[in-house]
N, C-alpha and C. Protein backbone atom coordinates (compact mmCIF):
# COMPACT_ATOMS: atom_id res chain seq x y z
N MET A 1 -5.55 19.40 6.75
CA MET A 1 -4.14 19.09 7.00
C MET A 1 -3.82 17.70 6.46
N PRO A 2 -2.74 17.56 5.69
CA PRO A 2 -2.36 16.23 5.18
C PRO A 2 -2.12 15.25 6.32
N PHE A 3 -2.41 13.97 6.07
CA PHE A 3 -2.21 12.97 7.09
C PHE A 3 -0.76 12.95 7.58
N SER A 4 0.17 13.17 6.66
CA SER A 4 1.59 13.12 7.02
C SER A 4 1.99 14.25 7.96
N ASP A 5 1.17 15.29 8.06
CA ASP A 5 1.45 16.39 8.98
C ASP A 5 0.78 16.20 10.33
N LYS A 6 -0.04 15.18 10.46
CA LYS A 6 -0.73 14.93 11.72
C LYS A 6 0.14 14.09 12.66
N THR A 7 -0.15 14.16 13.94
CA THR A 7 0.50 13.24 14.86
C THR A 7 -0.07 11.84 14.65
N VAL A 8 0.64 10.85 15.15
CA VAL A 8 0.13 9.48 15.07
C VAL A 8 -1.23 9.40 15.76
N GLN A 9 -1.36 10.04 16.93
CA GLN A 9 -2.62 10.01 17.66
C GLN A 9 -3.75 10.63 16.85
N GLU A 10 -3.47 11.76 16.19
CA GLU A 10 -4.50 12.43 15.40
C GLU A 10 -4.97 11.55 14.24
N PHE A 11 -4.02 10.91 13.57
CA PHE A 11 -4.41 10.05 12.45
C PHE A 11 -5.22 8.86 12.95
N LEU A 12 -4.78 8.25 14.05
CA LEU A 12 -5.51 7.10 14.58
C LEU A 12 -6.91 7.49 15.04
N ASP A 13 -7.04 8.68 15.59
CA ASP A 13 -8.36 9.15 16.00
C ASP A 13 -9.28 9.29 14.78
N GLU A 14 -8.75 9.82 13.69
CA GLU A 14 -9.54 9.95 12.46
C GLU A 14 -9.91 8.56 11.92
N LEU A 15 -8.94 7.66 11.96
CA LEU A 15 -9.18 6.31 11.44
C LEU A 15 -10.25 5.60 12.26
N ALA A 16 -10.29 5.87 13.56
CA ALA A 16 -11.24 5.21 14.45
C ALA A 16 -12.61 5.88 14.47
N SER A 17 -12.72 7.04 13.85
CA SER A 17 -13.98 7.78 13.87
C SER A 17 -15.00 7.14 12.94
N PRO A 18 -16.28 7.56 13.02
CA PRO A 18 -17.29 7.00 12.12
C PRO A 18 -17.22 7.56 10.70
N ALA A 19 -16.33 8.51 10.45
CA ALA A 19 -16.18 9.04 9.10
C ALA A 19 -15.70 7.93 8.17
N PRO A 20 -16.24 7.84 6.94
CA PRO A 20 -15.86 6.75 6.04
C PRO A 20 -14.43 6.81 5.54
N ALA A 21 -13.81 7.98 5.62
CA ALA A 21 -12.42 8.12 5.19
C ALA A 21 -11.69 9.02 6.19
N PRO A 22 -10.44 8.67 6.53
CA PRO A 22 -9.64 7.56 6.02
C PRO A 22 -10.15 6.22 6.50
N GLY A 23 -9.83 5.20 5.71
CA GLY A 23 -10.26 3.85 6.04
C GLY A 23 -9.17 2.85 5.73
N GLY A 24 -9.60 1.66 5.31
CA GLY A 24 -8.66 0.58 5.09
C GLY A 24 -7.62 0.86 4.02
N GLY A 25 -7.99 1.62 3.00
CA GLY A 25 -7.03 1.92 1.94
C GLY A 25 -5.87 2.78 2.44
N SER A 26 -6.20 3.81 3.21
CA SER A 26 -5.16 4.65 3.78
C SER A 26 -4.32 3.87 4.78
N ALA A 27 -4.96 3.00 5.56
CA ALA A 27 -4.22 2.16 6.50
C ALA A 27 -3.27 1.23 5.75
N ALA A 28 -3.72 0.70 4.62
CA ALA A 28 -2.85 -0.16 3.80
C ALA A 28 -1.63 0.60 3.32
N ALA A 29 -1.85 1.83 2.86
CA ALA A 29 -0.73 2.65 2.38
C ALA A 29 0.24 2.94 3.51
N LEU A 30 -0.28 3.21 4.69
CA LEU A 30 0.59 3.47 5.84
C LEU A 30 1.41 2.23 6.18
N ALA A 31 0.78 1.06 6.17
CA ALA A 31 1.53 -0.17 6.44
C ALA A 31 2.67 -0.34 5.44
N GLY A 32 2.38 -0.10 4.16
CA GLY A 32 3.42 -0.21 3.16
C GLY A 32 4.52 0.81 3.35
N ALA A 33 4.14 2.04 3.73
CA ALA A 33 5.14 3.09 3.97
C ALA A 33 6.02 2.74 5.16
N LEU A 34 5.43 2.15 6.20
CA LEU A 34 6.21 1.71 7.34
C LEU A 34 7.20 0.62 6.93
N GLY A 35 6.74 -0.31 6.08
CA GLY A 35 7.63 -1.34 5.58
C GLY A 35 8.78 -0.75 4.79
N ALA A 36 8.48 0.22 3.92
CA ALA A 36 9.53 0.86 3.12
C ALA A 36 10.52 1.60 4.01
N ALA A 37 10.02 2.26 5.05
CA ALA A 37 10.90 2.97 5.97
C ALA A 37 11.85 2.02 6.68
N LEU A 38 11.35 0.84 7.04
CA LEU A 38 12.22 -0.14 7.68
C LEU A 38 13.26 -0.70 6.72
N VAL A 39 12.88 -0.84 5.44
CA VAL A 39 13.89 -1.23 4.44
C VAL A 39 15.01 -0.18 4.42
N SER A 40 14.63 1.09 4.40
CA SER A 40 15.64 2.16 4.40
C SER A 40 16.50 2.11 5.64
N MET A 41 15.87 1.85 6.78
CA MET A 41 16.61 1.78 8.05
C MET A 41 17.68 0.71 8.00
N VAL A 42 17.30 -0.50 7.56
CA VAL A 42 18.27 -1.60 7.51
C VAL A 42 19.38 -1.28 6.52
N CYS A 43 19.03 -0.68 5.40
CA CYS A 43 20.06 -0.28 4.42
C CYS A 43 21.05 0.68 5.06
N ARG A 44 20.54 1.68 5.76
CA ARG A 44 21.42 2.69 6.36
C ARG A 44 22.28 2.11 7.49
N LEU A 45 21.77 1.07 8.15
CA LEU A 45 22.55 0.42 9.21
C LEU A 45 23.56 -0.58 8.67
N THR A 46 23.53 -0.78 7.35
CA THR A 46 24.42 -1.74 6.71
C THR A 46 25.48 -1.06 5.85
N ILE A 47 25.07 -0.06 5.10
CA ILE A 47 25.97 0.61 4.15
C ILE A 47 27.14 1.25 4.90
N GLY A 48 28.34 0.92 4.46
CA GLY A 48 29.54 1.50 5.06
C GLY A 48 29.97 0.87 6.36
N ARG A 49 29.27 -0.18 6.82
CA ARG A 49 29.60 -0.82 8.09
C ARG A 49 30.60 -1.97 7.89
N LYS A 50 31.46 -2.12 8.88
CA LYS A 50 32.43 -3.21 8.87
C LYS A 50 31.71 -4.55 8.82
N ASN A 51 32.27 -5.47 8.08
CA ASN A 51 31.76 -6.84 7.91
C ASN A 51 30.59 -6.94 6.92
N TYR A 52 30.18 -5.80 6.36
CA TYR A 52 29.07 -5.83 5.40
C TYR A 52 29.47 -5.22 4.05
N GLU A 53 30.78 -5.23 3.79
CA GLU A 53 31.28 -4.60 2.56
C GLU A 53 30.68 -5.23 1.30
N GLU A 54 30.45 -6.54 1.33
CA GLU A 54 29.94 -7.22 0.13
C GLU A 54 28.51 -6.81 -0.20
N ALA A 55 27.77 -6.36 0.80
CA ALA A 55 26.38 -5.95 0.58
C ALA A 55 26.25 -4.46 0.30
N ASP A 56 27.35 -3.73 0.43
CA ASP A 56 27.31 -2.27 0.39
C ASP A 56 26.67 -1.73 -0.89
N ALA A 57 27.18 -2.13 -2.03
CA ALA A 57 26.69 -1.57 -3.29
C ALA A 57 25.24 -1.94 -3.55
N GLU A 58 24.88 -3.18 -3.23
CA GLU A 58 23.52 -3.64 -3.50
C GLU A 58 22.50 -2.89 -2.64
N LEU A 59 22.81 -2.72 -1.37
CA LEU A 59 21.86 -2.02 -0.49
C LEU A 59 21.87 -0.52 -0.73
N ALA A 60 23.01 0.00 -1.19
CA ALA A 60 23.05 1.42 -1.55
C ALA A 60 22.14 1.71 -2.74
N ALA A 61 22.00 0.72 -3.63
CA ALA A 61 21.10 0.88 -4.77
C ALA A 61 19.64 0.74 -4.35
N ILE A 62 19.38 -0.06 -3.33
CA ILE A 62 18.01 -0.29 -2.86
C ILE A 62 17.49 0.91 -2.08
N LEU A 63 18.36 1.57 -1.34
CA LEU A 63 17.93 2.65 -0.45
C LEU A 63 17.08 3.73 -1.13
N PRO A 64 17.53 4.34 -2.25
CA PRO A 64 16.69 5.37 -2.86
C PRO A 64 15.37 4.84 -3.40
N ARG A 65 15.34 3.59 -3.79
CA ARG A 65 14.09 2.99 -4.27
C ARG A 65 13.11 2.82 -3.11
N ALA A 66 13.63 2.41 -1.96
CA ALA A 66 12.77 2.28 -0.78
C ALA A 66 12.23 3.65 -0.35
N GLU A 67 13.07 4.66 -0.44
CA GLU A 67 12.65 6.00 -0.06
C GLU A 67 11.57 6.54 -1.02
N GLN A 68 11.70 6.20 -2.30
CA GLN A 68 10.68 6.62 -3.26
C GLN A 68 9.36 5.93 -2.98
N LYS A 69 9.41 4.65 -2.64
CA LYS A 69 8.17 3.93 -2.32
C LYS A 69 7.53 4.50 -1.06
N ARG A 70 8.34 4.87 -0.09
CA ARG A 70 7.78 5.48 1.13
C ARG A 70 7.06 6.77 0.79
N ALA A 71 7.66 7.61 -0.06
CA ALA A 71 7.02 8.87 -0.46
C ALA A 71 5.76 8.60 -1.27
N ASP A 72 5.82 7.63 -2.18
CA ASP A 72 4.65 7.31 -3.00
C ASP A 72 3.48 6.86 -2.13
N LEU A 73 3.77 6.02 -1.15
CA LEU A 73 2.71 5.47 -0.31
C LEU A 73 2.10 6.53 0.61
N LEU A 74 2.90 7.49 1.04
CA LEU A 74 2.34 8.60 1.82
C LEU A 74 1.35 9.40 0.97
N GLN A 75 1.70 9.64 -0.28
CA GLN A 75 0.78 10.34 -1.18
C GLN A 75 -0.49 9.52 -1.42
N LEU A 76 -0.34 8.21 -1.52
CA LEU A 76 -1.50 7.35 -1.76
C LEU A 76 -2.41 7.27 -0.54
N MET A 77 -1.87 7.48 0.66
CA MET A 77 -2.74 7.59 1.85
C MET A 77 -3.76 8.70 1.65
N GLU A 78 -3.28 9.84 1.18
CA GLU A 78 -4.15 10.99 0.94
C GLU A 78 -5.11 10.70 -0.21
N ALA A 79 -4.56 10.13 -1.28
CA ALA A 79 -5.35 9.90 -2.49
C ALA A 79 -6.51 8.94 -2.23
N ASP A 80 -6.29 7.93 -1.39
CA ASP A 80 -7.35 6.97 -1.13
C ASP A 80 -8.51 7.62 -0.40
N ALA A 81 -8.20 8.41 0.62
CA ALA A 81 -9.27 9.09 1.36
C ALA A 81 -10.01 10.07 0.45
N ALA A 82 -9.28 10.79 -0.40
CA ALA A 82 -9.92 11.75 -1.30
C ALA A 82 -10.81 11.04 -2.31
N ALA A 83 -10.36 9.89 -2.81
CA ALA A 83 -11.16 9.14 -3.79
C ALA A 83 -12.46 8.66 -3.17
N TYR A 84 -12.40 8.20 -1.94
CA TYR A 84 -13.62 7.72 -1.30
C TYR A 84 -14.57 8.88 -0.99
N ASP A 85 -14.01 10.01 -0.61
CA ASP A 85 -14.84 11.20 -0.38
C ASP A 85 -15.60 11.58 -1.65
N ARG A 86 -14.93 11.42 -2.81
CA ARG A 86 -15.59 11.74 -4.08
C ARG A 86 -16.74 10.77 -4.35
N VAL A 87 -16.55 9.50 -4.00
CA VAL A 87 -17.64 8.53 -4.17
C VAL A 87 -18.84 8.95 -3.33
N ILE A 88 -18.62 9.30 -2.09
CA ILE A 88 -19.70 9.71 -1.20
C ILE A 88 -20.42 10.93 -1.75
N SER A 89 -19.65 11.87 -2.29
CA SER A 89 -20.26 13.10 -2.83
C SER A 89 -21.14 12.79 -4.03
N LYS A 90 -20.75 11.82 -4.85
CA LYS A 90 -21.55 11.46 -6.03
C LYS A 90 -22.86 10.78 -5.62
N TYR A 91 -22.82 10.00 -4.55
CA TYR A 91 -24.05 9.36 -4.06
C TYR A 91 -25.05 10.41 -3.56
N LYS A 92 -24.56 11.59 -3.22
CA LYS A 92 -25.43 12.65 -2.71
C LYS A 92 -26.04 13.51 -3.82
N MET A 93 -25.72 13.22 -5.07
CA MET A 93 -26.27 13.97 -6.19
C MET A 93 -27.79 13.78 -6.26
N PRO A 94 -28.51 14.76 -6.78
CA PRO A 94 -29.98 14.64 -6.87
C PRO A 94 -30.39 13.49 -7.77
N LYS A 95 -31.56 12.91 -7.46
CA LYS A 95 -32.04 11.76 -8.23
C LYS A 95 -33.57 11.78 -8.35
N GLU A 96 -34.07 12.98 -8.62
CA GLU A 96 -35.53 13.13 -8.75
C GLU A 96 -36.00 12.75 -10.14
N SER A 97 -35.38 13.33 -11.15
CA SER A 97 -35.80 13.06 -12.53
C SER A 97 -34.99 11.91 -13.11
N ASP A 98 -35.45 11.40 -14.26
CA ASP A 98 -34.70 10.34 -14.94
C ASP A 98 -33.32 10.83 -15.36
N GLU A 99 -33.27 12.10 -15.79
CA GLU A 99 -31.98 12.67 -16.20
C GLU A 99 -31.02 12.75 -15.01
N GLU A 100 -31.54 13.17 -13.86
CA GLU A 100 -30.71 13.25 -12.67
C GLU A 100 -30.25 11.87 -12.22
N LYS A 101 -31.15 10.91 -12.31
CA LYS A 101 -30.77 9.55 -11.93
C LYS A 101 -29.66 9.01 -12.83
N ALA A 102 -29.79 9.25 -14.12
CA ALA A 102 -28.76 8.77 -15.06
C ALA A 102 -27.43 9.45 -14.81
N ALA A 103 -27.48 10.77 -14.58
CA ALA A 103 -26.25 11.52 -14.32
C ALA A 103 -25.59 11.04 -13.03
N ARG A 104 -26.42 10.79 -12.02
CA ARG A 104 -25.90 10.31 -10.74
C ARG A 104 -25.26 8.93 -10.90
N THR A 105 -25.93 8.03 -11.60
CA THR A 105 -25.39 6.69 -11.80
C THR A 105 -24.06 6.74 -12.52
N ASN A 106 -23.98 7.54 -13.58
CA ASN A 106 -22.72 7.65 -14.33
C ASN A 106 -21.61 8.23 -13.47
N ALA A 107 -21.95 9.24 -12.67
CA ALA A 107 -20.94 9.87 -11.81
C ALA A 107 -20.46 8.91 -10.73
N VAL A 108 -21.38 8.18 -10.14
CA VAL A 108 -21.01 7.21 -9.10
C VAL A 108 -20.11 6.13 -9.68
N GLN A 109 -20.47 5.62 -10.85
CA GLN A 109 -19.68 4.56 -11.46
C GLN A 109 -18.26 5.04 -11.80
N ALA A 110 -18.16 6.26 -12.30
CA ALA A 110 -16.83 6.81 -12.61
C ALA A 110 -16.02 6.99 -11.33
N ALA A 111 -16.67 7.45 -10.27
CA ALA A 111 -15.97 7.65 -8.99
C ALA A 111 -15.54 6.32 -8.40
N LEU A 112 -16.36 5.29 -8.54
CA LEU A 112 -15.99 3.97 -8.03
C LEU A 112 -14.77 3.41 -8.77
N LYS A 113 -14.70 3.64 -10.06
CA LYS A 113 -13.52 3.19 -10.81
C LYS A 113 -12.27 3.90 -10.32
N ALA A 114 -12.39 5.20 -10.10
CA ALA A 114 -11.25 5.96 -9.59
C ALA A 114 -10.87 5.47 -8.20
N ALA A 115 -11.88 5.14 -7.39
CA ALA A 115 -11.63 4.66 -6.04
C ALA A 115 -10.99 3.28 -6.04
N ALA A 116 -11.24 2.48 -7.07
CA ALA A 116 -10.60 1.17 -7.18
C ALA A 116 -9.15 1.30 -7.63
N GLU A 117 -8.87 2.31 -8.44
CA GLU A 117 -7.52 2.47 -8.97
C GLU A 117 -6.51 2.84 -7.88
N VAL A 118 -6.95 3.61 -6.88
CA VAL A 118 -5.99 4.06 -5.85
C VAL A 118 -5.48 2.88 -5.02
N PRO A 119 -6.34 2.04 -4.44
CA PRO A 119 -5.79 0.89 -3.72
C PRO A 119 -5.05 -0.08 -4.63
N PHE A 120 -5.39 -0.10 -5.92
CA PHE A 120 -4.60 -0.90 -6.86
C PHE A 120 -3.16 -0.39 -6.88
N GLN A 121 -3.01 0.93 -6.91
CA GLN A 121 -1.66 1.51 -6.88
C GLN A 121 -0.97 1.23 -5.55
N ILE A 122 -1.74 1.26 -4.47
CA ILE A 122 -1.17 0.95 -3.15
C ILE A 122 -0.67 -0.49 -3.14
N ALA A 123 -1.47 -1.41 -3.67
CA ALA A 123 -1.06 -2.81 -3.74
C ALA A 123 0.23 -2.95 -4.53
N GLY A 124 0.32 -2.25 -5.65
CA GLY A 124 1.53 -2.31 -6.46
C GLY A 124 2.76 -1.80 -5.74
N ALA A 125 2.59 -0.69 -5.01
CA ALA A 125 3.72 -0.13 -4.27
C ALA A 125 4.15 -1.05 -3.14
N CYS A 126 3.18 -1.66 -2.46
CA CYS A 126 3.52 -2.61 -1.39
C CYS A 126 4.23 -3.84 -1.97
N ALA A 127 3.79 -4.30 -3.13
CA ALA A 127 4.46 -5.42 -3.80
C ALA A 127 5.89 -5.05 -4.14
N ASP A 128 6.10 -3.81 -4.57
CA ASP A 128 7.46 -3.34 -4.88
C ASP A 128 8.35 -3.36 -3.64
N VAL A 129 7.77 -2.99 -2.49
CA VAL A 129 8.55 -3.03 -1.24
C VAL A 129 8.96 -4.47 -0.93
N LEU A 130 8.04 -5.40 -1.09
CA LEU A 130 8.38 -6.82 -0.89
C LEU A 130 9.50 -7.25 -1.82
N ASP A 131 9.45 -6.79 -3.06
CA ASP A 131 10.45 -7.19 -4.04
C ASP A 131 11.83 -6.62 -3.73
N LEU A 132 11.88 -5.53 -2.98
CA LEU A 132 13.17 -4.94 -2.60
C LEU A 132 13.86 -5.72 -1.48
N LEU A 133 13.09 -6.53 -0.76
CA LEU A 133 13.55 -7.04 0.52
C LEU A 133 14.55 -8.20 0.52
N PRO A 134 14.58 -9.10 -0.46
CA PRO A 134 15.47 -10.27 -0.32
C PRO A 134 16.92 -9.94 0.04
N PRO A 135 17.59 -9.03 -0.67
CA PRO A 135 18.98 -8.75 -0.26
C PRO A 135 19.06 -8.10 1.12
N VAL A 136 18.05 -7.33 1.48
CA VAL A 136 18.03 -6.65 2.78
C VAL A 136 17.88 -7.68 3.89
N ALA A 137 16.99 -8.64 3.69
CA ALA A 137 16.76 -9.67 4.69
C ALA A 137 17.93 -10.64 4.80
N GLN A 138 18.57 -10.92 3.67
CA GLN A 138 19.63 -11.92 3.63
C GLN A 138 21.01 -11.38 3.95
N LYS A 139 21.23 -10.09 3.62
CA LYS A 139 22.59 -9.54 3.72
C LYS A 139 22.70 -8.31 4.61
N GLY A 140 21.55 -7.78 5.04
CA GLY A 140 21.59 -6.57 5.85
C GLY A 140 22.18 -6.83 7.22
N ASN A 141 22.45 -5.75 7.93
CA ASN A 141 23.02 -5.82 9.27
C ASN A 141 22.22 -6.79 10.15
N LYS A 142 22.90 -7.79 10.70
CA LYS A 142 22.21 -8.81 11.50
C LYS A 142 21.51 -8.20 12.72
N ASN A 143 22.05 -7.12 13.23
CA ASN A 143 21.45 -6.48 14.40
C ASN A 143 20.10 -5.85 14.07
N ALA A 144 19.81 -5.71 12.78
CA ALA A 144 18.52 -5.16 12.35
C ALA A 144 17.72 -6.18 11.56
N ALA A 145 18.06 -7.46 11.71
CA ALA A 145 17.38 -8.50 10.95
C ALA A 145 15.88 -8.52 11.25
N SER A 146 15.51 -8.32 12.51
CA SER A 146 14.09 -8.34 12.86
C SER A 146 13.34 -7.19 12.18
N ASP A 147 14.04 -6.09 11.92
CA ASP A 147 13.40 -4.96 11.24
C ASP A 147 13.11 -5.29 9.78
N ALA A 148 13.99 -6.07 9.16
CA ALA A 148 13.72 -6.53 7.79
C ALA A 148 12.51 -7.46 7.79
N GLY A 149 12.39 -8.30 8.81
CA GLY A 149 11.22 -9.16 8.92
C GLY A 149 9.95 -8.37 9.11
N ALA A 150 10.03 -7.34 9.96
CA ALA A 150 8.87 -6.47 10.17
C ALA A 150 8.47 -5.78 8.87
N ALA A 151 9.46 -5.38 8.07
CA ALA A 151 9.17 -4.74 6.79
C ALA A 151 8.40 -5.68 5.88
N ALA A 152 8.80 -6.95 5.85
CA ALA A 152 8.10 -7.93 5.01
C ALA A 152 6.67 -8.12 5.46
N LEU A 153 6.47 -8.25 6.77
CA LEU A 153 5.12 -8.45 7.30
C LEU A 153 4.23 -7.25 7.03
N LEU A 154 4.76 -6.06 7.22
CA LEU A 154 3.97 -4.85 6.99
C LEU A 154 3.64 -4.66 5.52
N ALA A 155 4.62 -4.88 4.65
CA ALA A 155 4.38 -4.69 3.22
C ALA A 155 3.34 -5.68 2.71
N GLU A 156 3.43 -6.93 3.16
CA GLU A 156 2.46 -7.92 2.69
C GLU A 156 1.07 -7.64 3.27
N ALA A 157 1.02 -7.18 4.51
CA ALA A 157 -0.28 -6.80 5.09
C ALA A 157 -0.89 -5.64 4.34
N GLY A 158 -0.06 -4.65 3.99
CA GLY A 158 -0.57 -3.52 3.20
C GLY A 158 -1.07 -3.96 1.85
N LEU A 159 -0.33 -4.88 1.23
CA LEU A 159 -0.72 -5.41 -0.08
C LEU A 159 -2.07 -6.12 -0.01
N ARG A 160 -2.22 -7.02 0.94
CA ARG A 160 -3.47 -7.78 1.05
C ARG A 160 -4.65 -6.87 1.38
N THR A 161 -4.40 -5.89 2.24
CA THR A 161 -5.46 -4.94 2.61
C THR A 161 -5.88 -4.12 1.41
N ALA A 162 -4.91 -3.66 0.64
CA ALA A 162 -5.22 -2.86 -0.55
C ALA A 162 -6.03 -3.67 -1.56
N VAL A 163 -5.68 -4.94 -1.73
CA VAL A 163 -6.42 -5.79 -2.67
C VAL A 163 -7.88 -5.92 -2.23
N LEU A 164 -8.11 -6.07 -0.94
CA LEU A 164 -9.49 -6.11 -0.43
C LEU A 164 -10.24 -4.84 -0.78
N ASN A 165 -9.55 -3.71 -0.69
CA ASN A 165 -10.20 -2.42 -0.99
C ASN A 165 -10.48 -2.27 -2.48
N VAL A 166 -9.64 -2.83 -3.32
CA VAL A 166 -9.94 -2.84 -4.75
C VAL A 166 -11.21 -3.66 -4.98
N LYS A 167 -11.26 -4.84 -4.38
CA LYS A 167 -12.37 -5.76 -4.65
C LYS A 167 -13.71 -5.22 -4.17
N ILE A 168 -13.73 -4.52 -3.04
CA ILE A 168 -15.01 -4.02 -2.54
C ILE A 168 -15.57 -2.95 -3.47
N ASN A 169 -14.68 -2.19 -4.11
CA ASN A 169 -15.14 -1.22 -5.11
C ASN A 169 -15.60 -1.91 -6.38
N LEU A 170 -14.86 -2.93 -6.80
CA LEU A 170 -15.24 -3.67 -8.01
C LEU A 170 -16.61 -4.30 -7.87
N ASN A 171 -16.97 -4.69 -6.67
CA ASN A 171 -18.26 -5.32 -6.43
C ASN A 171 -19.44 -4.40 -6.75
N LEU A 172 -19.16 -3.07 -6.76
CA LEU A 172 -20.23 -2.10 -7.02
C LEU A 172 -20.20 -1.55 -8.44
N ILE A 173 -19.21 -1.97 -9.22
CA ILE A 173 -19.05 -1.45 -10.58
C ILE A 173 -19.79 -2.34 -11.57
N LYS A 174 -20.58 -1.73 -12.44
CA LYS A 174 -21.43 -2.47 -13.36
C LYS A 174 -20.75 -2.83 -14.68
N ASP A 175 -19.63 -2.19 -14.96
CA ASP A 175 -18.90 -2.44 -16.20
C ASP A 175 -18.15 -3.77 -16.07
N GLU A 176 -18.72 -4.83 -16.60
CA GLU A 176 -18.15 -6.17 -16.42
C GLU A 176 -16.78 -6.30 -17.07
N GLY A 177 -16.57 -5.63 -18.18
CA GLY A 177 -15.27 -5.67 -18.84
C GLY A 177 -14.19 -5.05 -17.98
N TYR A 178 -14.51 -3.91 -17.38
CA TYR A 178 -13.56 -3.24 -16.50
C TYR A 178 -13.24 -4.12 -15.30
N VAL A 179 -14.27 -4.69 -14.70
CA VAL A 179 -14.09 -5.53 -13.51
C VAL A 179 -13.20 -6.73 -13.84
N SER A 180 -13.47 -7.40 -14.95
CA SER A 180 -12.68 -8.55 -15.37
C SER A 180 -11.22 -8.16 -15.58
N GLU A 181 -11.00 -7.03 -16.22
CA GLU A 181 -9.64 -6.57 -16.48
C GLU A 181 -8.91 -6.23 -15.18
N MET A 182 -9.61 -5.63 -14.23
CA MET A 182 -8.99 -5.31 -12.95
C MET A 182 -8.59 -6.57 -12.19
N TYR A 183 -9.43 -7.59 -12.22
CA TYR A 183 -9.06 -8.83 -11.56
C TYR A 183 -7.83 -9.45 -12.23
N ARG A 184 -7.74 -9.33 -13.54
CA ARG A 184 -6.55 -9.82 -14.24
C ARG A 184 -5.31 -9.05 -13.80
N ARG A 185 -5.45 -7.73 -13.68
CA ARG A 185 -4.32 -6.89 -13.27
C ARG A 185 -3.92 -7.13 -11.82
N LEU A 186 -4.85 -7.58 -11.01
CA LEU A 186 -4.55 -7.84 -9.59
C LEU A 186 -3.72 -9.10 -9.38
N GLU A 187 -3.79 -10.02 -10.31
CA GLU A 187 -3.18 -11.34 -10.09
C GLU A 187 -1.71 -11.28 -9.68
N PRO A 188 -0.86 -10.43 -10.31
CA PRO A 188 0.54 -10.39 -9.89
C PRO A 188 0.73 -9.88 -8.47
N PHE A 189 -0.28 -9.21 -7.93
CA PHE A 189 -0.18 -8.68 -6.57
C PHE A 189 -0.70 -9.68 -5.53
N THR A 190 -1.21 -10.79 -5.98
CA THR A 190 -1.78 -11.77 -5.04
C THR A 190 -1.10 -13.13 -5.15
N LYS A 191 -0.84 -13.57 -6.34
CA LYS A 191 -0.29 -14.91 -6.53
C LYS A 191 1.13 -15.02 -5.96
N GLY A 192 1.30 -15.89 -5.00
CA GLY A 192 2.63 -16.16 -4.46
C GLY A 192 3.14 -15.15 -3.46
N ARG A 193 2.36 -14.13 -3.16
CA ARG A 193 2.87 -13.08 -2.27
C ARG A 193 2.97 -13.54 -0.81
N ALA A 194 2.02 -14.35 -0.37
CA ALA A 194 2.11 -14.86 1.01
C ALA A 194 3.35 -15.74 1.15
N GLU A 195 3.63 -16.55 0.14
CA GLU A 195 4.82 -17.40 0.16
C GLU A 195 6.09 -16.56 0.14
N GLN A 196 6.06 -15.48 -0.64
CA GLN A 196 7.21 -14.57 -0.69
C GLN A 196 7.49 -13.97 0.68
N LYS A 197 6.43 -13.55 1.35
CA LYS A 197 6.58 -13.00 2.70
C LYS A 197 7.14 -14.03 3.66
N GLU A 198 6.60 -15.26 3.61
CA GLU A 198 7.07 -16.31 4.51
C GLU A 198 8.54 -16.64 4.25
N GLU A 199 8.95 -16.64 2.99
CA GLU A 199 10.36 -16.91 2.66
C GLU A 199 11.26 -15.83 3.24
N LEU A 200 10.81 -14.59 3.18
CA LEU A 200 11.58 -13.49 3.75
C LEU A 200 11.69 -13.63 5.27
N VAL A 201 10.59 -13.98 5.89
CA VAL A 201 10.61 -14.15 7.35
C VAL A 201 11.53 -15.30 7.74
N ARG A 202 11.50 -16.39 6.97
CA ARG A 202 12.41 -17.50 7.26
C ARG A 202 13.87 -17.07 7.13
N ALA A 203 14.17 -16.28 6.11
CA ALA A 203 15.54 -15.78 5.94
C ALA A 203 15.96 -14.94 7.13
N VAL A 204 15.05 -14.14 7.63
CA VAL A 204 15.35 -13.31 8.80
C VAL A 204 15.55 -14.18 10.04
N GLU A 205 14.65 -15.14 10.25
CA GLU A 205 14.73 -15.98 11.44
C GLU A 205 16.03 -16.79 11.47
N SER A 206 16.53 -17.14 10.31
CA SER A 206 17.79 -17.91 10.25
C SER A 206 18.98 -17.07 10.69
N ARG A 207 18.80 -15.75 10.76
CA ARG A 207 19.90 -14.86 11.13
C ARG A 207 19.76 -14.30 12.55
N LEU A 208 18.70 -14.67 13.24
CA LEU A 208 18.48 -14.14 14.58
C LEU A 208 19.33 -14.88 15.61
């Protein structure tokens, strides 16, 4: 059953179990999806409301983008768990002969790269949620200002968590060129993001 079809209790029970997946990557995607949902909420509480006419068009444009990120992140919850399951399955390949050992090593390395790519995508989606937030935090319905702040905190937490999950996979990958390139690609998802989150929270607090 897809995670999105489970109750909150069922998903948390799976997350708390000794099974290796779902784990931090799926949790990161969920945090980002929660942030995106709160962006949508604030948009819907602002669009068409009295005293918020100046923000109407801008937040109406943000709403479908937030909804797309929420859908993307739900899919990435599933993808992260599936990617890690594939890594585990490759580690279980036979390794008696030299040929089997080589095949197993190649399969594990390929699976680890795939497993690194999923949280990379999660990090990117969470960063996109953060990037949607400034007009929502600054111009959205004041009665939902705290929800915009919560969205910023959740999106940044999802982003940082996803980056950790990328790095733990990179630590096991032997292809130095790939690892170096991935660290380069991660930089836009890490540099300045904590400051971006804090700026959003300050904007929200000024409206409380």
